Protein backbone atom coordinates (compact mmCIF):
# COMPACT_ATOMS: atom_id res chain seq x y z
CA UNK A 1 15.01 -9.36 -22.51
CA UNK A 2 11.78 -8.41 -20.35
CA UNK A 3 12.39 -6.29 -16.95
CA UNK A 4 10.96 -9.91 -15.29
CA UNK A 5 13.46 -12.49 -16.84
CA UNK A 6 15.91 -9.59 -15.81
CA UNK A 7 14.75 -9.81 -11.83
CA UNK A 8 16.24 -13.77 -12.27
CA UNK A 9 20.40 -11.96 -12.76
CA UNK A 10 19.57 -10.02 -9.74
CA UNK A 11 22.37 -10.42 -7.29
CA UNK A 12 21.38 -6.93 -4.37
CA UNK A 13 18.02 -7.62 -3.00
CA UNK A 14 15.98 -5.66 -0.31
CA UNK A 15 13.07 -6.64 0.62
CA UNK A 16 10.56 -4.68 2.62
CA UNK A 17 7.80 -6.25 4.98
CA UNK A 18 5.15 -3.93 6.07
CA UNK A 19 3.11 -4.62 9.70
CA UNK A 20 -0.07 -5.99 7.71
CA UNK A 21 2.04 -8.91 6.78
CA UNK A 22 3.77 -9.33 9.69
CA UNK A 23 0.60 -9.23 12.28
CA UNK A 24 -2.51 -10.87 12.26
CA UNK A 25 -5.87 -8.36 12.34
CA UNK A 26 -5.41 -8.36 16.00
CA UNK A 27 -2.75 -6.42 16.13
CA UNK A 28 -0.32 -9.42 17.47
CA UNK A 29 2.48 -10.62 15.28
CA UNK A 30 2.11 -13.49 12.84
CA UNK A 31 5.00 -15.54 13.64
CA UNK A 32 3.67 -18.36 11.09
CA UNK A 33 4.01 -15.59 8.07
CA UNK A 34 7.25 -14.08 9.37
CA UNK A 35 8.85 -17.63 9.83
CA UNK A 36 8.12 -18.70 6.07
CA UNK A 37 9.76 -14.79 4.92
CA UNK A 38 12.63 -15.23 6.91
CA UNK A 39 13.22 -19.11 5.68
CA UNK A 40 12.77 -17.66 2.07
CA UNK A 41 15.03 -14.70 2.74
CA UNK A 42 17.91 -17.57 4.49
CA UNK A 43 17.53 -19.56 1.36
CA UNK A 44 18.10 -16.77 -0.92
CA UNK A 45 21.10 -15.83 1.04
CA UNK A 46 22.18 -19.76 0.43
CA UNK A 47 21.86 -18.99 -3.27
CA UNK A 48 24.23 -16.09 -3.06
CA UNK A 49 22.22 -12.98 -2.96
CA UNK A 50 23.07 -10.14 -0.81
CA UNK A 51 19.86 -9.83 1.36
CA UNK A 52 18.69 -6.88 2.97
CA UNK A 53 15.45 -6.77 5.08
CA UNK A 54 13.19 -3.23 5.81
CA UNK A 55 10.53 -4.14 8.26
CA UNK A 56 7.70 -2.48 10.13
CA UNK A 57 6.45 -3.68 13.32
CA UNK A 58 8.75 -2.25 16.44
CA UNK A 59 5.37 -0.03 17.61
CA UNK A 60 2.68 -2.81 17.20
CA UNK A 61 5.22 -5.38 18.99
CA UNK A 62 5.57 -2.80 21.99
CA UNK A 63 1.72 -2.35 22.07
CA UNK A 64 1.42 -5.71 22.42
CA UNK A 65 3.79 -6.37 24.76
CA UNK A 66 2.48 -3.83 26.83
CA UNK A 67 -1.08 -5.28 26.58
CA UNK A 68 -2.56 -2.08 25.44
CA UNK A 69 -5.37 -2.12 23.19
CA UNK A 70 -4.60 0.58 20.63
CA UNK A 71 -1.85 2.32 19.40
CA UNK A 72 -0.91 5.42 20.92
CA UNK A 73 -0.94 8.69 19.22
CA UNK A 74 1.44 11.34 20.31
CA UNK A 75 5.13 10.84 19.26
CA UNK A 76 6.10 10.66 22.91
CA UNK A 77 3.97 7.62 23.72
CA UNK A 78 5.01 6.17 19.97
CA UNK A 79 8.28 6.37 20.54
CA UNK A 80 8.22 4.46 23.92
CA UNK A 81 6.18 1.73 22.48
CA UNK A 82 9.35 1.82 19.40
CA UNK A 83 12.08 1.31 22.13
CA UNK A 84 9.83 -1.45 23.66
CA UNK A 85 9.33 -3.33 20.41
CA UNK A 86 12.53 -2.89 18.61
CA UNK A 87 14.54 -5.27 21.06
CA UNK A 88 11.17 -7.67 20.76
CA UNK A 89 11.15 -7.66 16.74
CA UNK A 90 15.14 -7.76 16.37
CA UNK A 91 14.97 -10.98 19.04
CA UNK A 92 12.51 -12.63 17.02
CA UNK A 93 14.78 -11.97 13.58
CA UNK A 94 17.67 -13.19 15.14
CA UNK A 95 16.19 -16.25 16.35
CA UNK A 96 14.58 -17.29 12.91
CA UNK A 97 17.39 -16.52 10.63
CA UNK A 98 19.98 -17.98 13.34
CA UNK A 99 18.16 -21.41 13.04
CA UNK A 100 18.49 -21.02 9.38
CA UNK A 101 22.29 -20.37 9.58
CA UNK A 102 21.77 -16.32 8.79
CA UNK A 103 23.66 -13.85 10.31
CA UNK A 104 21.90 -10.42 11.26
CA UNK A 105 22.15 -7.11 12.11
CA UNK A 106 20.28 -4.60 13.40
CA UNK A 107 20.21 -0.91 11.45
CA UNK A 108 18.38 1.70 13.25
CA UNK A 109 17.97 4.59 10.60
CA UNK A 110 16.66 8.61 10.53
CA UNK A 111 16.26 11.31 8.70
CA UNK A 112 19.07 12.91 10.00
CA UNK A 113 21.36 9.64 8.86
CA UNK A 114 20.21 10.76 5.04
CA UNK A 115 20.27 14.85 4.77
CA UNK A 116 23.60 15.23 5.84
CA UNK A 117 26.26 13.96 2.96
CA UNK A 118 28.99 12.16 5.60
CA UNK A 119 26.25 10.32 7.48
CA UNK A 120 24.47 9.13 4.04
CA UNK A 121 28.55 7.96 3.40
CA UNK A 122 28.92 6.06 6.87
CA UNK A 123 25.45 4.82 5.91
CA UNK A 124 26.03 3.00 2.69
CA UNK A 125 29.97 2.17 3.95
CA UNK A 126 28.32 0.24 6.68
CA UNK A 127 25.61 -1.74 4.74
CA UNK A 128 27.73 -2.31 2.27
CA UNK A 129 30.30 -3.98 4.77
CA UNK A 130 27.65 -6.19 6.16
CA UNK A 131 26.83 -7.52 2.73
CA UNK A 132 30.48 -8.14 2.03
CA UNK A 133 30.55 -10.37 4.91
CA UNK A 134 27.88 -12.12 4.42
CA UNK A 135 25.57 -10.52 7.11
CA UNK A 136 21.58 -9.56 6.41
CA UNK A 137 20.78 -6.32 7.99
CA UNK A 138 17.18 -5.52 9.05
CA UNK A 139 16.74 -2.11 9.09
CA UNK A 140 13.87 -0.07 10.46
CA UNK A 141 13.64 3.67 10.96
CA UNK A 142 14.50 4.58 14.92
CA UNK A 143 11.53 5.40 15.89
CA UNK A 144 12.40 5.35 19.32
CA UNK A 145 14.31 9.02 19.08
CA UNK A 146 13.06 10.26 15.55
CA UNK A 147 10.39 13.03 15.42
CA UNK A 148 8.68 14.02 12.41
CA UNK A 149 11.11 16.40 11.20
CA UNK A 150 13.57 13.98 11.32
CA UNK A 151 11.56 10.77 10.22
CA UNK A 152 12.49 9.75 6.71
CA UNK A 153 8.51 9.59 6.46
CA UNK A 154 7.40 6.07 6.42
CA UNK A 155 9.49 2.92 5.44
CA UNK A 156 8.25 2.23 1.42
CA UNK A 157 10.06 5.38 1.86
CA UNK A 158 12.85 4.12 3.90
CA UNK A 159 13.50 1.11 1.85
CA UNK A 160 13.84 3.26 -1.51
CA UNK A 161 16.38 4.91 0.25
CA UNK A 162 18.34 2.16 1.01
CA UNK A 163 18.35 0.44 -1.50
CA UNK A 164 19.53 3.35 -3.20
CA UNK A 165 22.24 3.82 -0.69
CA UNK A 166 23.37 -0.13 -1.28
CA UNK A 167 22.83 0.07 -5.42
CA UNK A 168 20.25 -2.28 -5.15
CA UNK A 169 18.99 -4.39 -8.46
CA UNK A 170 15.92 -5.03 -7.47
CA UNK A 171 13.79 -3.95 -3.99
CA UNK A 172 10.60 -5.39 -3.68
CA UNK A 173 7.71 -4.22 -1.18
CA UNK A 174 5.18 -6.41 0.19
CA UNK A 175 1.96 -5.33 0.87
CA UNK A 176 -1.41 -6.20 1.53
CA UNK A 177 -2.91 -6.07 -1.54
CA UNK A 178 -1.52 -7.52 -5.09
CA UNK A 179 -0.13 -4.39 -6.76
CA UNK A 180 -1.06 -1.15 -8.12
CA UNK A 181 -4.82 -1.41 -9.79
CA UNK A 182 -6.14 0.61 -12.33
CA UNK A 183 -9.17 1.38 -9.69
CA UNK A 184 -9.60 1.03 -6.18
CA UNK A 185 -10.45 -2.79 -5.80
CA UNK A 186 -11.90 -2.83 -2.42
CA UNK A 187 -14.91 -0.37 -4.00
CA UNK A 188 -14.66 -1.19 -7.79
CA UNK A 189 -15.06 -4.92 -9.17
CA UNK A 190 -14.02 -3.98 -12.85
CA UNK A 191 -10.35 -2.95 -11.24
CA UNK A 192 -7.47 -4.68 -12.50
CA UNK A 193 -4.20 -5.37 -11.78
CA UNK A 194 -1.31 -3.32 -13.79
CA UNK A 195 1.71 -5.31 -14.33
CA UNK A 196 3.91 -2.93 -15.13
CA UNK A 197 4.47 0.87 -14.85
CA UNK A 198 7.04 2.13 -17.12
CA UNK A 199 6.39 5.81 -16.35
CA UNK A 200 4.70 7.38 -13.07
CA UNK A 201 2.81 9.92 -13.94
CA UNK A 202 0.28 12.00 -12.81
CA UNK A 203 -2.23 9.66 -13.61
CA UNK A 204 -0.39 6.84 -12.27
CA UNK A 205 0.02 8.85 -8.71
CA UNK A 206 -3.97 9.80 -8.68
CA UNK A 207 -4.48 6.10 -9.57
CA UNK A 208 -2.66 5.40 -5.98
CA UNK A 209 -4.48 7.98 -4.25
CA UNK A 210 -2.90 11.31 -4.94
CA UNK A 211 -4.12 14.50 -4.54
CA UNK A 212 -7.78 14.65 -5.10
CA UNK A 213 -8.21 11.28 -6.17
CA UNK A 214 -10.94 8.70 -4.69
CA UNK A 215 -9.68 5.79 -6.14
CA UNK A 216 -6.15 5.18 -3.55
CA UNK A 217 -5.89 2.40 -1.99
CA UNK A 218 -4.53 3.32 1.49
CA UNK A 219 -0.65 3.28 1.61
CA UNK A 220 -0.25 2.95 -1.81
CA UNK A 221 0.56 6.81 -2.79
CA UNK A 222 3.74 6.49 -0.37
CA UNK A 223 4.34 2.97 -2.54
CA UNK A 224 4.81 5.12 -5.64
CA UNK A 225 6.88 7.50 -4.52
CA UNK A 226 9.13 5.10 -3.05
CA UNK A 227 9.37 3.73 -6.97
CA UNK A 228 10.11 7.15 -7.96
CA UNK A 229 13.44 7.09 -5.83
CA UNK A 230 14.11 3.70 -6.66
CA UNK A 231 13.86 3.58 -10.42
CA UNK A 232 15.75 6.76 -10.93
CA UNK A 233 18.49 5.05 -9.01
CA UNK A 234 18.76 2.51 -11.50
CA UNK A 235 16.63 0.27 -8.90
CA UNK A 236 13.33 -2.10 -10.05
CA UNK A 237 11.17 -1.79 -8.20
CA UNK A 238 7.57 -4.25 -7.42
CA UNK A 239 5.13 -4.01 -5.49
CA UNK A 240 2.83 -7.55 -4.14
CA UNK A 241 1.68 -9.43 -2.01
CA UNK A 242 2.93 -10.39 1.38
CA UNK A 243 0.29 -12.69 1.93
CA UNK A 244 1.23 -15.39 -0.81
CA UNK A 245 3.70 -17.90 -0.36
CA UNK A 246 6.89 -17.87 -1.67
CA UNK A 247 6.00 -14.22 -3.43
CA UNK A 248 9.72 -13.02 -3.01
CA UNK A 249 11.42 -16.58 -4.85
CA UNK A 250 8.42 -16.34 -7.68
CA UNK A 251 9.27 -12.39 -8.37
CA UNK A 252 12.66 -13.53 -8.64
CA UNK A 253 12.36 -16.41 -10.79
CA UNK A 254 10.44 -13.89 -13.25
CA UNK A 255 6.70 -15.14 -13.06
CA UNK A 256 4.23 -12.20 -13.54
CA UNK A 257 2.89 -11.02 -10.08
CA UNK A 258 2.31 -7.29 -8.27
CA UNK A 259 3.32 -4.40 -10.20
CA UNK A 260 6.77 -3.91 -11.75
CA UNK A 261 8.34 -0.26 -12.13
CA UNK A 262 11.40 -1.04 -14.60
CA UNK A 263 14.41 1.08 -13.27
CA UNK A 264 16.11 3.60 -15.69
CA UNK A 265 18.82 3.04 -17.48
CA UNK A 266 21.11 5.08 -15.81
CA UNK A 267 22.46 4.61 -12.52
CA UNK A 268 22.91 8.04 -10.38
CA UNK A 269 26.56 8.14 -8.89
CA UNK A 270 26.72 8.18 -5.14
CA UNK A 271 26.68 12.27 -4.87
CA UNK A 272 23.88 12.74 -7.02
CA UNK A 273 21.53 9.73 -5.16
CA UNK A 274 21.75 11.59 -2.26
CA UNK A 275 21.13 14.52 -4.13
CA UNK A 276 17.80 13.48 -5.36
CA UNK A 277 16.57 11.32 -2.86
CA UNK A 278 19.07 11.50 0.74
CA UNK A 279 18.88 15.38 1.28
CA UNK A 280 15.55 17.29 2.47
CA UNK A 281 13.59 19.35 -0.33
CA UNK A 282 13.45 23.11 1.15
CA UNK A 283 11.26 24.33 -2.08
CA UNK A 284 10.21 24.63 -5.62
CA UNK A 285 11.15 26.76 -8.77
CA UNK A 286 8.95 26.31 -11.90
CA UNK A 287 10.02 27.16 -15.16
CA UNK A 288 8.75 27.53 -18.63
CA UNK A 289 8.21 25.33 -21.43
CA UNK A 290 11.41 26.66 -23.00
CA UNK A 291 13.50 26.23 -19.92
CA UNK A 292 11.91 22.49 -19.37
CA UNK A 293 12.56 21.79 -22.98
CA UNK A 294 16.23 23.06 -22.41
CA UNK A 295 16.58 20.83 -19.27
CA UNK A 296 15.48 17.69 -20.54
CA UNK A 297 16.69 17.72 -24.10
CA UNK A 298 20.01 19.45 -23.67
CA UNK A 299 21.17 18.99 -20.20
CA UNK A 300 21.29 22.50 -19.68
CA UNK A 301 21.50 24.16 -16.71
CA UNK A 302 18.69 26.35 -14.75
CA UNK A 303 19.20 30.16 -15.66
CA UNK A 304 16.94 32.59 -13.99
CA UNK A 305 15.24 33.57 -17.54
CA UNK A 306 13.32 30.54 -17.77
CA UNK A 307 12.00 30.59 -14.25
CA UNK A 308 8.54 31.79 -13.99
CA UNK A 309 8.27 31.27 -10.17
CA UNK A 310 9.27 30.73 -6.20
CA UNK A 311 7.71 28.24 -3.84
CA UNK A 312 8.86 28.24 -0.34
CA UNK A 313 11.87 29.35 1.67
CA UNK A 314 15.43 28.14 1.23
CA UNK A 315 19.00 29.42 1.29
CA UNK A 316 22.29 28.85 -0.88
CA UNK A 317 22.75 25.62 -1.45
CA UNK A 318 19.53 23.73 -0.44
CA UNK A 319 17.79 21.71 -2.69
CA UNK A 320 14.71 22.49 -4.41
CA UNK A 321 11.98 20.92 -6.85
CA UNK A 322 12.19 22.02 -10.36
CA UNK A 323 8.31 21.76 -11.68
CA UNK A 324 6.76 22.06 -14.97
CA UNK A 325 4.53 24.81 -15.73
CA UNK A 326 1.51 22.33 -15.29
CA UNK A 327 3.60 21.25 -11.83
CA UNK A 328 4.87 18.13 -12.77
CA UNK A 329 8.35 17.56 -10.80
CA UNK A 330 11.42 17.25 -13.81
CA UNK A 331 14.83 17.73 -11.47
CA UNK A 332 15.90 18.08 -8.06
CA UNK A 333 19.08 20.45 -7.42
CA UNK A 334 21.36 22.29 -5.03
CA UNK A 335 20.33 26.29 -5.76
CA UNK A 336 23.14 29.01 -5.96
CA UNK A 337 20.52 31.81 -4.55
CA UNK A 338 18.15 32.01 -1.78
CA UNK A 339 14.56 32.46 -2.21
CA UNK A 340 14.14 36.11 -2.16
CA UNK A 341 17.05 37.06 -4.38
CA UNK A 342 15.46 34.46 -6.99
CA UNK A 343 12.36 36.63 -6.83
CA UNK A 344 14.06 39.49 -7.51
CA UNK A 345 15.70 38.26 -10.66
CA UNK A 346 12.97 35.94 -12.09
CA UNK A 347 13.16 35.99 -15.74
CA UNK A 348 16.20 38.29 -15.98
CA UNK A 349 19.37 37.44 -17.96
CA UNK A 350 22.32 36.92 -16.36
CA UNK A 351 24.12 39.72 -17.10
CA UNK A 352 21.32 41.62 -14.86
CA UNK A 353 22.01 40.11 -11.59
CA UNK A 354 25.05 42.07 -10.77
CA UNK A 355 22.75 45.32 -11.15
CA UNK A 356 19.80 43.80 -9.34
CA UNK A 357 21.51 42.17 -6.25
CA UNK A 358 24.71 43.96 -5.79
CA UNK A 359 26.89 40.72 -6.26
CA UNK A 360 26.55 37.75 -8.99
CA UNK A 361 27.50 34.10 -7.72
CA UNK A 362 26.90 32.16 -10.30
CA UNK A 363 25.85 32.39 -14.05
CA UNK A 364 23.56 29.26 -13.42
CA UNK A 365 21.17 29.14 -10.65
CA UNK A 366 21.22 25.35 -10.87
CA UNK A 367 24.59 24.36 -12.35
CA UNK A 368 23.73 21.10 -14.06
CA UNK A 369 26.38 19.25 -12.15
CA UNK A 370 24.31 20.00 -9.23
CA UNK A 371 21.10 18.93 -10.62
CA UNK A 372 19.43 15.13 -11.11
CA UNK A 373 16.21 14.61 -13.82
CA UNK A 374 13.44 13.20 -12.47
CA UNK A 375 11.75 12.30 -15.19
C-alpha cells in the first residue's frame, strides 16, 4: 500500500493553517474560508478522527482590531497585538466549532515547554487527555509572552513539534502554495509539483529556499524543516494549498494533492523525540567518513577518535548536531563532554582522556542511547 492510501486510515491528525489561508489580502480575517475549514475538521471529528488544529493569525487579528495599517516590527508591539488577537481568534474558533457540535480548548506553547523534559511530558499528557475527552485542541505559539530566544520559531515548526508530542499519524500543513516545486513557480513556468519526497536531501532544501538558493518560495524552507521533524518521528507530512475546498478531506481520502513526506518506518520513543526535536541545539560536532559509517550502519556511539571539528560553545548534557564531513546533519545527541574538553580530545583514543583532561567521564562522547539518527 502506498503512502497516499495509508492516509485513509489516519486516526490522529494535526492540521496547521497559516495566516495566508486565514486572511484576505487586506489582512482581515477570511471568515468564509475559516468556516469551511472548521466544518471540514468537525466532520472528520464526527467520523471518529482525533483532530488538533495549529493556527496562526493572533498578531494579525490584533492588528485588525486596533485598526493599524501594518504589522508592528518590535517584539513588545507584536506581543501586545498577540495579546489582543489571541482572544479574538479563539472566540471565533469556539463559536464556529460550537455551531458544529465540537468543543475546543486553547493551548498556548513556547519553546520553554519543549526544552525542559518535564514540561514536554506535561504538554504531551494534557494534549492526549483532551483528545481522549473528544476535545479539539486549538494551538498557537504564545506570542504574548514569547521572545526570540523562547519562540519555537514559527508555526510550521510548532505544528511538527505538536505532531511529535502526540504521536500523530499525519501532519497537514496548509499553505498558499500547492506544495514543493522543482523550481519557483512564481518565476519559472516550467516548475512542476513534486508529489512525494522520501528523503530530504540538501538539494531538496535548496529547492525550498536553502542557503544560497534563488529558487525558494517564501516560507517553504521552514516547512521542509518541519518535515524533517515529522518524518523522523514517524509522522507522515503533507504540504498542500489551503485555498482548495475540501483539501483535508481529499488528502485523507488518498487523492494526489500537495507534496507528501512519508514517515520513517520507526517511531521514536518519547524521550528520543524530545531529545531530537524538543530540546535546544547548542552546537555541532563534525565527524569523519569512518565514524559516519559506524554510526549509520552499525548503530555505534560517537567516539572522540572520529571527530574532526567542534562548533559552538556547549556544556555536558547539552544537545548537539552531529555533522558529516560534507556538513549534512546525520544525528543529534546529548554530549558527555563540554566544547572546551572536546577540543582537546579531537581524534584521540579513549585511553588518552585521563592524561589529557585529568579525568574521564565516559568512554563515549555521545552514547548511542542518547543519540537520534536524522537520516
